[in-house]
């Protein structure tokens, strides 16, 4: 965080902080600022968050004592136990697994009161060292570094305040902020499969009737399924929520999906043998899942399930720095994807929401 305050053009950092004040005040709210660290919420520090424009705010000098990160402390700051406050955490969110667990535990108390959550992300000038979640320096120098406002509180306030901050940023020449709102309403829709192709495409016949355990199944009689025959040259298939899903962000399977086979006799789901998820692609609001299919995989009915709250937005993937990532490391945040999908699942659990996606496949495997 120090790198924002000591960037050559630290006026951008100051204007970012001013936009936060403006967004809160325009909603008729009075901000109370705390300096969070070492398990202590230091403050209130007055009404303005722009105190963080001073590098000493992070270095621990000129009246600011040294602190260590403890982001969850904002959610334990003194408040009326019956009230549901709006909380805004300004951070680079460079957090490890333990930090994420502590942060989610801190937010949980507000979620049980009915809080929604949201996040605003923006890349702004940075000068200094970028540390990984385990404390290693992964970048030195100038870059455009992500900074975030993580919000929780009443649904209307979370949505409107982040929107007003986004407008204030745009009026100050920072018009590329990304905003996500995480609440039960946004998680209530389940996406379904709209297309399937073989890998390679010439090794399959999508849209054809299939035979499974001696019985013929036809697409017209089972509209919730995508039908495909694989021949001996096929190595897998790809199923998607739209006819053409291209571009976006993709990476090898990262733990957001469950792959099941449906037992035709009892209708129960069982482990899918001879198949595995190999790649996931997110483009805008669409999803594509690539499956490796072994010769041993039986013909049958399958489904790929993304549990409620587990489907990330594309920009979470774009801005997340995987441990093996070596490209533009200063412009990404390690742990962002894990934090946001975990928070989204946590919100979904408060209302027992439906799956984010259920992609059903009727497969005849001719390998």
Protein backbone atom coordinates (compact mmCIF):
# COMPACT_ATOMS: atom_id res chain seq x y z
CA UNK A 1 0.00 0.00 0.00
CA UNK A 2 2.94 2.34 0.65
CA UNK A 3 3.76 2.27 -3.06
CA UNK A 4 0.55 4.13 -3.92
CA UNK A 5 1.39 6.99 -1.57
CA UNK A 6 4.98 7.31 -2.79
CA UNK A 7 4.30 6.94 -6.52
CA UNK A 8 5.74 9.76 -8.63
CA UNK A 9 2.22 10.95 -9.39
CA UNK A 10 0.71 10.33 -5.97
CA UNK A 11 -1.99 12.83 -6.81
CA UNK A 12 -3.84 9.89 -8.37
CA UNK A 13 -3.82 8.10 -5.00
CA UNK A 14 -5.11 11.24 -3.27
CA UNK A 15 -7.91 11.63 -5.84
CA UNK A 16 -8.81 7.97 -5.37
CA UNK A 17 -9.18 8.56 -1.62
CA UNK A 18 -11.17 11.74 -2.22
CA UNK A 19 -13.57 9.81 -4.47
CA UNK A 20 -14.30 7.47 -1.56
CA UNK A 21 -15.27 10.41 0.64
CA UNK A 22 -17.41 11.89 -2.12
CA UNK A 23 -19.24 8.63 -2.78
CA UNK A 24 -20.07 8.14 0.89
CA UNK A 25 -21.16 11.75 1.46
CA UNK A 26 -23.37 11.79 -1.64
CA UNK A 27 -25.34 8.94 -0.10
CA UNK A 28 -25.98 11.06 2.98
CA UNK A 29 -23.60 9.03 5.15
CA UNK A 30 -20.89 10.35 7.47
CA UNK A 31 -17.62 8.42 7.06
CA UNK A 32 -15.59 7.38 10.09
CA UNK A 33 -11.99 6.44 9.25
CA UNK A 34 -9.91 3.77 10.99
CA UNK A 35 -6.32 2.69 10.43
CA UNK A 36 -6.34 -1.10 10.54
CA UNK A 37 -3.37 -3.20 11.58
CA UNK A 38 -1.89 -5.57 14.16
CA UNK A 39 -5.36 -6.55 15.31
CA UNK A 40 -6.25 -2.97 16.24
CA UNK A 41 -8.65 -0.48 14.67
CA UNK A 42 -6.82 2.80 15.31
CA UNK A 43 -9.29 5.64 15.33
CA UNK A 44 -11.66 7.18 14.60
CA UNK A 45 -9.19 9.40 12.72
CA UNK A 46 -11.71 12.03 11.71
CA UNK A 47 -14.04 12.06 8.75
CA UNK A 48 -11.55 11.92 5.88
CA UNK A 49 -9.87 8.83 4.47
CA UNK A 50 -7.37 11.12 2.70
CA UNK A 51 -5.09 10.81 5.73
CA UNK A 52 -3.83 7.71 3.90
CA UNK A 53 -2.27 9.99 1.27
CA UNK A 54 0.61 10.49 3.74
CA UNK A 55 3.29 7.75 3.30
CA UNK A 56 3.71 7.73 7.09
CA UNK A 57 0.22 6.27 7.32
CA UNK A 58 1.78 3.00 6.12
CA UNK A 59 5.40 3.43 7.26
CA UNK A 60 4.56 4.17 10.88
CA UNK A 61 6.04 7.64 11.41
CA UNK A 62 4.95 11.23 12.12
CA UNK A 63 2.54 10.12 14.79
CA UNK A 64 1.42 6.88 13.11
CA UNK A 65 2.68 3.82 14.95
CA UNK A 66 4.00 0.78 13.00
CA UNK A 67 1.39 -1.85 12.23
CA UNK A 68 1.09 -5.23 10.54
CA UNK A 69 -1.76 -6.31 8.32
CA UNK A 70 -4.95 -7.60 9.92
CA UNK A 71 -7.72 -6.72 7.51
CA UNK A 72 -10.44 -8.52 9.43
CA UNK A 73 -10.10 -6.00 12.28
CA UNK A 74 -12.40 -3.57 10.43
CA UNK A 75 -15.27 -6.01 11.03
CA UNK A 76 -14.58 -6.17 14.77
CA UNK A 77 -14.42 -2.40 15.25
CA UNK A 78 -16.82 -1.14 17.90
CA UNK A 79 -20.38 -0.82 16.63
CA UNK A 80 -23.93 -1.32 17.76
CA UNK A 81 -24.38 -5.14 17.88
CA UNK A 82 -27.93 -4.73 16.58
CA UNK A 83 -26.99 -2.42 13.71
CA UNK A 84 -25.75 -3.36 10.26
CA UNK A 85 -23.12 -0.76 9.34
CA UNK A 86 -21.64 -0.07 5.94
CA UNK A 87 -17.94 -0.97 6.04
CA UNK A 88 -15.41 -0.07 3.33
CA UNK A 89 -11.95 -1.64 3.41
CA UNK A 90 -9.31 0.04 1.22
CA UNK A 91 -6.53 -2.46 0.52
CA UNK A 92 -4.40 -4.14 -2.13
CA UNK A 93 -5.90 -7.44 -0.83
CA UNK A 94 -2.58 -9.24 -1.22
CA UNK A 95 -3.60 -11.94 1.24
CA UNK A 96 -2.63 -15.53 1.96
CA UNK A 97 -4.86 -18.46 2.91
CA UNK A 98 -4.79 -17.61 6.62
CA UNK A 99 -5.57 -13.94 5.92
CA UNK A 100 -8.52 -14.94 3.73
CA UNK A 101 -9.92 -17.24 6.41
CA UNK A 102 -9.63 -14.51 9.05
CA UNK A 103 -11.16 -11.89 6.77
CA UNK A 104 -14.12 -14.10 5.87
CA UNK A 105 -14.65 -14.96 9.52
CA UNK A 106 -14.74 -11.25 10.34
CA UNK A 107 -17.30 -10.50 7.62
CA UNK A 108 -19.51 -13.44 8.58
CA UNK A 109 -21.04 -11.66 11.57
CA UNK A 110 -22.45 -8.97 9.26
CA UNK A 111 -23.58 -11.53 6.67
CA UNK A 112 -25.67 -13.29 9.31
CA UNK A 113 -27.45 -9.95 9.85
CA UNK A 114 -28.35 -9.86 6.14
CA UNK A 115 -25.41 -7.90 4.75
CA UNK A 116 -24.52 -7.87 1.08
CA UNK A 117 -20.97 -7.48 -0.18
CA UNK A 118 -19.29 -5.74 -3.07
CA UNK A 119 -15.89 -4.84 -4.46
CA UNK A 120 -14.47 -2.03 -6.58
CA UNK A 121 -11.09 -2.52 -8.23
CA UNK A 122 -8.88 0.00 -10.01
CA UNK A 123 -5.28 0.03 -11.25
CA UNK A 124 -3.39 3.20 -10.32
CA UNK A 125 0.29 4.30 -10.30
CA UNK A 126 2.53 2.49 -7.82
CA UNK A 127 6.22 2.84 -6.97
CA UNK A 128 7.97 0.38 -4.70
CA UNK A 129 8.08 -3.29 -3.81
CA UNK A 130 5.23 -5.71 -4.51
CA UNK A 131 5.13 -8.57 -2.02
CA UNK A 132 3.57 -11.96 -2.49
CA UNK A 133 1.11 -13.29 0.06
CA UNK A 134 3.99 -15.14 1.78
CA UNK A 135 6.15 -12.02 2.07
CA UNK A 136 8.48 -12.46 -0.94
CA UNK A 137 9.25 -9.48 -3.19
CA UNK A 138 7.90 -10.37 -6.64
CA UNK A 139 8.26 -6.96 -8.30
CA UNK A 140 10.28 -3.77 -7.80
CA UNK A 141 9.72 -0.40 -9.43
CA UNK A 142 6.92 1.41 -11.23
CA UNK A 143 3.70 -0.27 -12.28
CA UNK A 144 -0.08 0.13 -12.32
CA UNK A 145 -1.13 -1.74 -9.23
CA UNK A 146 -4.64 -2.93 -8.28
CA UNK A 147 -6.23 -1.27 -5.28
CA UNK A 148 -9.62 -2.35 -3.98
CA UNK A 149 -12.57 -1.18 -1.92
CA UNK A 150 -14.15 -4.22 -0.28
CA UNK A 151 -17.59 -3.34 1.07
CA UNK A 152 -20.19 -5.00 3.25
CA UNK A 153 -23.44 -3.71 4.68
CA UNK A 154 -27.05 -3.08 3.68
CA UNK A 155 -27.61 -4.11 0.07
CA UNK A 156 -28.82 -0.71 -1.13
CA UNK A 157 -25.92 1.15 0.50
CA UNK A 158 -23.25 -1.25 -0.80
CA UNK A 159 -24.54 -0.96 -4.35
CA UNK A 160 -25.16 2.80 -4.35
CA UNK A 161 -21.97 3.84 -2.56
CA UNK A 162 -19.70 1.78 -4.83
CA UNK A 163 -21.57 3.18 -7.84
CA UNK A 164 -21.12 6.76 -6.59
CA UNK A 165 -17.42 6.16 -5.93
CA UNK A 166 -17.11 4.79 -9.46
CA UNK A 167 -18.74 7.94 -10.84
CA UNK A 168 -16.47 10.19 -8.76
CA UNK A 169 -13.44 8.30 -10.03
CA UNK A 170 -14.59 8.70 -13.64
CA UNK A 171 -15.07 12.44 -13.15
CA UNK A 172 -11.46 12.53 -11.95
CA UNK A 173 -10.18 10.78 -15.08
CA UNK A 174 -10.15 7.23 -13.63
CA UNK A 175 -12.90 5.61 -15.67
CA UNK A 176 -11.78 1.98 -15.79
CA UNK A 177 -12.90 0.80 -12.36
CA UNK A 178 -14.46 -2.66 -12.14
CA UNK A 179 -17.34 -3.25 -9.70
CA UNK A 180 -18.98 -6.46 -8.52
CA UNK A 181 -21.96 -6.75 -6.18
CA UNK A 182 -22.26 -10.03 -4.29
CA UNK A 183 -25.71 -10.59 -2.83
CA UNK A 184 -28.33 -13.37 -2.97
CA UNK A 185 -30.23 -11.69 -5.81
CA UNK A 186 -27.21 -11.70 -8.12
CA UNK A 187 -26.58 -15.37 -7.28
CA UNK A 188 -30.14 -16.59 -7.88
CA UNK A 189 -29.84 -17.58 -11.56
CA UNK A 190 -28.57 -20.98 -12.73
CA UNK A 191 -26.87 -21.15 -16.13
CA UNK A 192 -27.38 -24.23 -18.29
CA UNK A 193 -25.58 -25.83 -21.23
CA UNK A 194 -26.33 -24.42 -24.68
CA UNK A 195 -23.63 -26.09 -26.77
CA UNK A 196 -21.20 -29.01 -26.81
CA UNK A 197 -18.35 -29.88 -29.18
CA UNK A 198 -15.82 -32.69 -29.37
CA UNK A 199 -12.08 -32.34 -28.95
CA UNK A 200 -11.04 -32.29 -31.71
CA UNK A 201 -14.32 -31.10 -33.25
CA UNK A 202 -14.03 -33.51 -36.21
CA UNK A 203 -14.04 -36.50 -33.84
CA UNK A 204 -17.59 -35.97 -32.57
CA UNK A 205 -21.21 -35.67 -33.62
CA UNK A 206 -22.95 -33.11 -31.41
CA UNK A 207 -26.74 -32.92 -31.45
CA UNK A 208 -27.19 -36.58 -32.35
CA UNK A 209 -29.33 -39.14 -30.56
CA UNK A 210 -27.27 -41.38 -28.28
CA UNK A 211 -27.56 -44.93 -26.99
CA UNK A 212 -26.91 -45.56 -23.32
CA UNK A 213 -27.29 -49.02 -21.77
CA UNK A 214 -29.25 -50.19 -24.81
CA UNK A 215 -31.71 -47.30 -24.76
CA UNK A 216 -31.93 -44.45 -27.25
CA UNK A 217 -32.12 -40.86 -25.96
CA UNK A 218 -33.09 -38.02 -28.30
CA UNK A 219 -32.36 -34.28 -27.94
CA UNK A 220 -35.96 -33.30 -28.68
CA UNK A 221 -37.16 -35.31 -25.68
CA UNK A 222 -34.47 -34.03 -23.32
CA UNK A 223 -34.02 -30.27 -23.91
CA UNK A 224 -32.02 -29.75 -20.72
CA UNK A 225 -29.17 -31.89 -22.08
CA UNK A 226 -26.55 -31.34 -24.75
CA UNK A 227 -26.07 -34.53 -26.80
CA UNK A 228 -22.80 -35.74 -28.28
CA UNK A 229 -21.22 -38.88 -29.77
CA UNK A 230 -17.47 -39.24 -29.50
CA UNK A 231 -15.57 -41.46 -31.90
CA UNK A 232 -12.28 -43.26 -31.33
CA UNK A 233 -10.17 -40.18 -32.18
CA UNK A 234 -11.76 -37.97 -29.52
CA UNK A 235 -9.82 -36.96 -26.43
CA UNK A 236 -12.57 -34.97 -24.77
CA UNK A 237 -15.38 -32.48 -25.14
CA UNK A 238 -16.21 -28.88 -24.34
CA UNK A 239 -19.57 -27.75 -22.97
CA UNK A 240 -20.63 -24.09 -22.73
CA UNK A 241 -23.46 -21.79 -21.69
CA UNK A 242 -23.62 -20.16 -25.14
CA UNK A 243 -23.23 -21.28 -28.75
CA UNK A 244 -19.95 -19.42 -29.19
CA UNK A 245 -17.79 -18.63 -26.17
CA UNK A 246 -14.48 -17.05 -27.17
CA UNK A 247 -11.95 -14.73 -25.62
CA UNK A 248 -12.24 -13.91 -21.96
CA UNK A 249 -9.98 -15.51 -19.36
CA UNK A 250 -9.11 -19.17 -18.95
CA UNK A 251 -6.86 -21.40 -16.92
CA UNK A 252 -6.57 -25.06 -15.93
CA UNK A 253 -9.28 -26.40 -13.63
CA UNK A 254 -9.21 -24.39 -10.40
CA UNK A 255 -11.69 -26.12 -8.15
CA UNK A 256 -15.03 -24.44 -8.85
CA UNK A 257 -16.73 -27.42 -10.52
CA UNK A 258 -18.14 -30.81 -9.55
CA UNK A 259 -18.32 -33.48 -12.27
CA UNK A 260 -21.00 -36.13 -11.75
CA UNK A 261 -22.54 -39.07 -13.58
CA UNK A 262 -26.26 -39.61 -13.14
CA UNK A 263 -27.27 -43.14 -12.21
CA UNK A 264 -30.08 -44.00 -14.63
CA UNK A 265 -31.53 -46.60 -12.29
CA UNK A 266 -31.99 -44.38 -9.25
CA UNK A 267 -31.41 -40.89 -10.55
CA UNK A 268 -28.68 -40.28 -7.99
CA UNK A 269 -25.35 -38.70 -8.84
CA UNK A 270 -22.19 -40.79 -8.62
CA UNK A 271 -18.53 -40.11 -9.30
CA UNK A 272 -17.74 -39.68 -13.00
CA UNK A 273 -15.16 -42.31 -13.92
CA UNK A 274 -12.75 -41.81 -16.79
CA UNK A 275 -13.49 -38.07 -17.08
CA UNK A 276 -12.06 -34.94 -15.50
CA UNK A 277 -12.34 -31.18 -15.86
CA UNK A 278 -9.17 -29.91 -17.56
CA UNK A 279 -9.82 -26.25 -18.37
CA UNK A 280 -12.28 -23.48 -17.48
CA UNK A 281 -12.94 -20.36 -19.56
CA UNK A 282 -15.02 -17.36 -18.54
CA UNK A 283 -15.97 -14.77 -21.12
CA UNK A 284 -18.23 -12.01 -19.85
CA UNK A 285 -21.20 -13.79 -18.27
CA UNK A 286 -20.58 -17.07 -20.11
CA UNK A 287 -18.77 -20.23 -19.08
CA UNK A 288 -17.01 -22.97 -21.04
CA UNK A 289 -15.73 -26.17 -19.42
CA UNK A 290 -13.34 -28.57 -21.14
CA UNK A 291 -13.41 -32.24 -20.13
CA UNK A 292 -10.85 -34.93 -20.81
CA UNK A 293 -12.64 -38.19 -21.68
CA UNK A 294 -10.74 -41.47 -21.42
CA UNK A 295 -11.48 -44.58 -23.45
CA UNK A 296 -12.70 -46.15 -20.23
CA UNK A 297 -15.42 -43.55 -19.64
CA UNK A 298 -18.84 -45.19 -20.02
CA UNK A 299 -21.62 -43.74 -22.13
CA UNK A 300 -24.11 -42.02 -19.86
CA UNK A 301 -25.66 -38.85 -18.52
CA UNK A 302 -23.24 -36.38 -16.95
CA UNK A 303 -23.39 -32.95 -15.43
CA UNK A 304 -20.89 -30.28 -14.52
CA UNK A 305 -22.09 -28.34 -11.48
CA UNK A 306 -20.76 -24.99 -10.31
CA UNK A 307 -22.08 -24.63 -6.73
CA UNK A 308 -23.88 -21.48 -5.65
CA UNK A 309 -21.54 -18.51 -5.46
CA UNK A 310 -18.58 -20.35 -6.99
CA UNK A 311 -18.61 -18.79 -10.46
CA UNK A 312 -16.13 -15.88 -10.59
CA UNK A 313 -16.53 -12.78 -12.67
CA UNK A 314 -14.08 -12.51 -15.54
CA UNK A 315 -12.16 -9.60 -14.06
CA UNK A 316 -11.45 -11.59 -10.89
CA UNK A 317 -9.60 -14.08 -13.08
CA UNK A 318 -7.90 -11.39 -15.15
CA UNK A 319 -6.60 -9.56 -12.09
CA UNK A 320 -5.68 -12.65 -10.04
CA UNK A 321 -2.01 -13.68 -9.90
CA UNK A 322 -1.62 -17.44 -9.71
CA UNK A 323 1.46 -18.72 -7.88
CA UNK A 324 3.03 -19.82 -11.18
CA UNK A 325 2.20 -16.56 -12.98
CA UNK A 326 5.25 -14.63 -14.21
CA UNK A 327 3.55 -12.09 -16.53
CA UNK A 328 2.77 -8.55 -15.36
CA UNK A 329 2.98 -9.69 -11.74
CA UNK A 330 2.89 -6.12 -10.43
CA UNK A 331 -0.49 -5.56 -12.09
CA UNK A 332 -2.15 -8.55 -10.43
CA UNK A 333 -3.14 -9.61 -6.92
CA UNK A 334 -2.37 -13.01 -5.47
CA UNK A 335 -5.38 -14.49 -3.69
CA UNK A 336 -8.02 -12.25 -5.31
CA UNK A 337 -9.81 -15.14 -7.03
CA UNK A 338 -9.82 -17.29 -3.90
CA UNK A 339 -11.01 -14.42 -1.70
CA UNK A 340 -13.86 -13.34 -3.96
CA UNK A 341 -15.16 -16.82 -4.80
CA UNK A 342 -14.99 -17.74 -1.11
CA UNK A 343 -16.88 -14.58 -0.16
CA UNK A 344 -19.44 -15.20 -2.89
CA UNK A 345 -20.01 -18.77 -1.66
CA UNK A 346 -20.30 -17.46 1.89
CA UNK A 347 -23.05 -15.05 0.81
CA UNK A 348 -24.82 -17.79 -1.16
CA UNK A 349 -24.91 -20.04 1.90
CA UNK A 350 -26.93 -17.47 3.84
CA UNK A 351 -29.91 -18.15 1.55
CA UNK A 352 -29.16 -21.70 0.36
CA UNK A 353 -29.12 -20.45 -3.24
CA UNK A 354 -29.25 -22.63 -6.38
CA UNK A 355 -26.14 -23.72 -8.30
CA UNK A 356 -24.46 -21.05 -10.39
CA UNK A 357 -24.39 -23.45 -13.35
CA UNK A 358 -25.59 -26.95 -14.15
CA UNK A 359 -24.29 -28.20 -17.50
CA UNK A 360 -25.94 -31.50 -18.49
CA UNK A 361 -24.44 -33.81 -21.14
CA UNK A 362 -25.79 -36.98 -22.76
CA UNK A 363 -22.69 -38.82 -23.95
CA UNK A 364 -22.21 -41.82 -26.21
CA UNK A 365 -18.55 -42.69 -25.95
CA UNK A 366 -17.42 -44.81 -28.89
CA UNK A 367 -13.75 -45.01 -27.93
